[in-house]
């Protein structure tokens, strides 16, 4: 599984590069703040909503601490998706939130 730190993700976004971010936290967690542009698909719904994703794209998975996004990354990777887990999750995120 590919991984990237929150700092690395922030640096890429600050360069103006667009990342396809999937936030797998629950709706109430996302309401406290999320990375701009991230799509919320709670981990428990990922299996049912993965048809919304494009296997031709690379997705960066985000959660609170990196655990759920790691499980989401493994799940999607096993189904042919190109994914990167953001280690440390939103606890490590120091950038802007919406």
C-alpha atoms as a PDB file:
ATOM      1  CA  UNK A   1       0.000   0.000   0.000  1.00  0.00           C
ATOM      2  CA  UNK A   2       1.314   3.425  -0.961  1.00  0.00           C
ATOM      3  CA  UNK A   3       1.429   6.021   1.801  1.00  0.00           C
ATOM      4  CA  UNK A   4       1.954   9.761   2.067  1.00  0.00           C
ATOM      5  CA  UNK A   5       2.156  11.937   5.171  1.00  0.00           C
ATOM      6  CA  UNK A   6      -0.294  14.746   5.868  1.00  0.00           C
ATOM      7  CA  UNK A   7       2.584  17.206   5.344  1.00  0.00           C
ATOM      8  CA  UNK A   8       3.311  15.734   1.891  1.00  0.00           C
ATOM      9  CA  UNK A   9      -0.368  15.965   0.913  1.00  0.00           C
ATOM     10  CA  UNK A  10      -0.509  19.564   2.131  1.00  0.00           C
ATOM     11  CA  UNK A  11       2.644  20.474   0.154  1.00  0.00           C
ATOM     12  CA  UNK A  12       1.189  19.002  -3.052  1.00  0.00           C
ATOM     13  CA  UNK A  13      -2.101  20.870  -2.587  1.00  0.00           C
ATOM     14  CA  UNK A  14      -0.214  24.110  -1.829  1.00  0.00           C
ATOM     15  CA  UNK A  15       1.535  23.753  -5.206  1.00  0.00           C
ATOM     16  CA  UNK A  16      -1.893  23.930  -6.833  1.00  0.00           C
ATOM     17  CA  UNK A  17      -1.953  20.257  -7.779  1.00  0.00           C
ATOM     18  CA  UNK A  18      -5.423  18.749  -7.498  1.00  0.00           C
ATOM     19  CA  UNK A  19      -5.691  15.467  -5.599  1.00  0.00           C
ATOM     20  CA  UNK A  20      -8.736  13.225  -5.547  1.00  0.00           C
ATOM     21  CA  UNK A  21      -9.292  12.972  -1.800  1.00  0.00           C
ATOM     22  CA  UNK A  22     -11.715  10.513  -0.218  1.00  0.00           C
ATOM     23  CA  UNK A  23     -12.503  11.151   3.458  1.00  0.00           C
ATOM     24  CA  UNK A  24     -13.736   7.886   5.009  1.00  0.00           C
ATOM     25  CA  UNK A  25     -14.720   9.392   8.366  1.00  0.00           C
ATOM     26  CA  UNK A  26     -18.306   9.425   9.562  1.00  0.00           C
ATOM     27  CA  UNK A  27     -20.542  12.375   8.622  1.00  0.00           C
ATOM     28  CA  UNK A  28     -20.410  13.878  12.134  1.00  0.00           C
ATOM     29  CA  UNK A  29     -16.586  13.791  12.085  1.00  0.00           C
ATOM     30  CA  UNK A  30     -16.445  15.486   8.677  1.00  0.00           C
ATOM     31  CA  UNK A  31     -18.783  18.203   9.965  1.00  0.00           C
ATOM     32  CA  UNK A  32     -15.935  19.284  12.289  1.00  0.00           C
ATOM     33  CA  UNK A  33     -13.779  20.059   9.251  1.00  0.00           C
ATOM     34  CA  UNK A  34     -12.340  18.418   6.167  1.00  0.00           C
ATOM     35  CA  UNK A  35      -9.696  19.101   3.556  1.00  0.00           C
ATOM     36  CA  UNK A  36     -11.060  21.306   0.767  1.00  0.00           C
ATOM     37  CA  UNK A  37     -12.382  19.250  -2.124  1.00  0.00           C
ATOM     38  CA  UNK A  38     -12.464  15.937  -0.264  1.00  0.00           C
ATOM     39  CA  UNK A  39     -15.405  13.644  -0.983  1.00  0.00           C
ATOM     40  CA  UNK A  40     -16.934  12.004   2.075  1.00  0.00           C
ATOM     41  CA  UNK A  41     -17.602   8.284   1.733  1.00  0.00           C
ATOM     42  CA  UNK A  42     -17.776   6.762   5.246  1.00  0.00           C
ATOM     43  CA  UNK A  43     -15.770   3.533   5.488  1.00  0.00           C
ATOM     44  CA  UNK A  44     -18.911   1.479   6.155  1.00  0.00           C
ATOM     45  CA  UNK A  45     -20.438   2.677   2.874  1.00  0.00           C
ATOM     46  CA  UNK A  46     -17.326   2.354   0.711  1.00  0.00           C
ATOM     47  CA  UNK A  47     -18.243  -1.096  -0.606  1.00  0.00           C
ATOM     48  CA  UNK A  48     -21.628   0.229  -1.741  1.00  0.00           C
ATOM     49  CA  UNK A  49     -20.321   3.491  -3.217  1.00  0.00           C
ATOM     50  CA  UNK A  50     -17.101   2.376  -4.919  1.00  0.00           C
ATOM     51  CA  UNK A  51     -18.997   2.398  -8.235  1.00  0.00           C
ATOM     52  CA  UNK A  52     -18.775   6.216  -7.956  1.00  0.00           C
ATOM     53  CA  UNK A  53     -14.972   5.996  -8.244  1.00  0.00           C
ATOM     54  CA  UNK A  54     -12.893   5.780 -11.418  1.00  0.00           C
ATOM     55  CA  UNK A  55     -10.166   3.117 -11.618  1.00  0.00           C
ATOM     56  CA  UNK A  56      -8.235   5.403 -13.985  1.00  0.00           C
ATOM     57  CA  UNK A  57      -7.735   7.972 -11.191  1.00  0.00           C
ATOM     58  CA  UNK A  58      -5.480   7.922  -8.148  1.00  0.00           C
ATOM     59  CA  UNK A  59      -7.250   8.515  -4.830  1.00  0.00           C
ATOM     60  CA  UNK A  60      -5.764   9.721  -1.563  1.00  0.00           C
ATOM     61  CA  UNK A  61      -7.616   8.255   1.396  1.00  0.00           C
ATOM     62  CA  UNK A  62      -8.101  10.315   4.576  1.00  0.00           C
ATOM     63  CA  UNK A  63      -9.565   9.571   8.025  1.00  0.00           C
ATOM     64  CA  UNK A  64      -9.033  10.732  11.613  1.00  0.00           C
ATOM     65  CA  UNK A  65      -5.717   8.995  12.348  1.00  0.00           C
ATOM     66  CA  UNK A  66      -4.798   6.878   9.302  1.00  0.00           C
ATOM     67  CA  UNK A  67      -6.267   3.541  10.415  1.00  0.00           C
ATOM     68  CA  UNK A  68      -9.612   3.555   8.630  1.00  0.00           C
ATOM     69  CA  UNK A  69      -8.096   5.139   5.538  1.00  0.00           C
ATOM     70  CA  UNK A  70      -5.517   2.339   5.580  1.00  0.00           C
ATOM     71  CA  UNK A  71      -8.294  -0.274   5.624  1.00  0.00           C
ATOM     72  CA  UNK A  72     -10.117   1.631   2.872  1.00  0.00           C
ATOM     73  CA  UNK A  73      -6.914   1.740   0.818  1.00  0.00           C
ATOM     74  CA  UNK A  74      -6.395  -2.015   1.155  1.00  0.00           C
ATOM     75  CA  UNK A  75     -10.035  -2.680   0.261  1.00  0.00           C
ATOM     76  CA  UNK A  76      -9.957  -0.499  -2.873  1.00  0.00           C
ATOM     77  CA  UNK A  77      -6.492  -1.675  -3.899  1.00  0.00           C
ATOM     78  CA  UNK A  78      -7.696  -5.296  -3.789  1.00  0.00           C
ATOM     79  CA  UNK A  79     -10.423  -4.274  -6.241  1.00  0.00           C
ATOM     80  CA  UNK A  80      -8.068  -2.693  -8.749  1.00  0.00           C
ATOM     81  CA  UNK A  81      -8.071   0.944  -7.616  1.00  0.00           C
ATOM     82  CA  UNK A  82      -4.947   3.122  -7.405  1.00  0.00           C
ATOM     83  CA  UNK A  83      -4.894   4.536  -3.865  1.00  0.00           C
ATOM     84  CA  UNK A  84      -2.586   6.268  -1.386  1.00  0.00           C
ATOM     85  CA  UNK A  85      -3.176   6.303   2.370  1.00  0.00           C
ATOM     86  CA  UNK A  86      -2.585   9.638   4.128  1.00  0.00           C
ATOM     87  CA  UNK A  87      -0.791   8.551   7.296  1.00  0.00           C
ATOM     88  CA  UNK A  88      -1.612  10.370  10.513  1.00  0.00           C
ATOM     89  CA  UNK A  89      -5.001  11.421   9.172  1.00  0.00           C
ATOM     90  CA  UNK A  90      -6.703  14.641  10.174  1.00  0.00           C
ATOM     91  CA  UNK A  91      -4.949  14.542  13.554  1.00  0.00           C
ATOM     92  CA  UNK A  92      -1.705  15.233  11.668  1.00  0.00           C
ATOM     93  CA  UNK A  93      -3.264  17.724   9.232  1.00  0.00           C
ATOM     94  CA  UNK A  94      -2.043  21.291   9.766  1.00  0.00           C
ATOM     95  CA  UNK A  95      -3.477  22.807   6.596  1.00  0.00           C
ATOM     96  CA  UNK A  96      -6.755  24.607   6.041  1.00  0.00           C
ATOM     97  CA  UNK A  97     -10.050  22.855   6.664  1.00  0.00           C
ATOM     98  CA  UNK A  98     -13.527  23.575   5.377  1.00  0.00           C
END
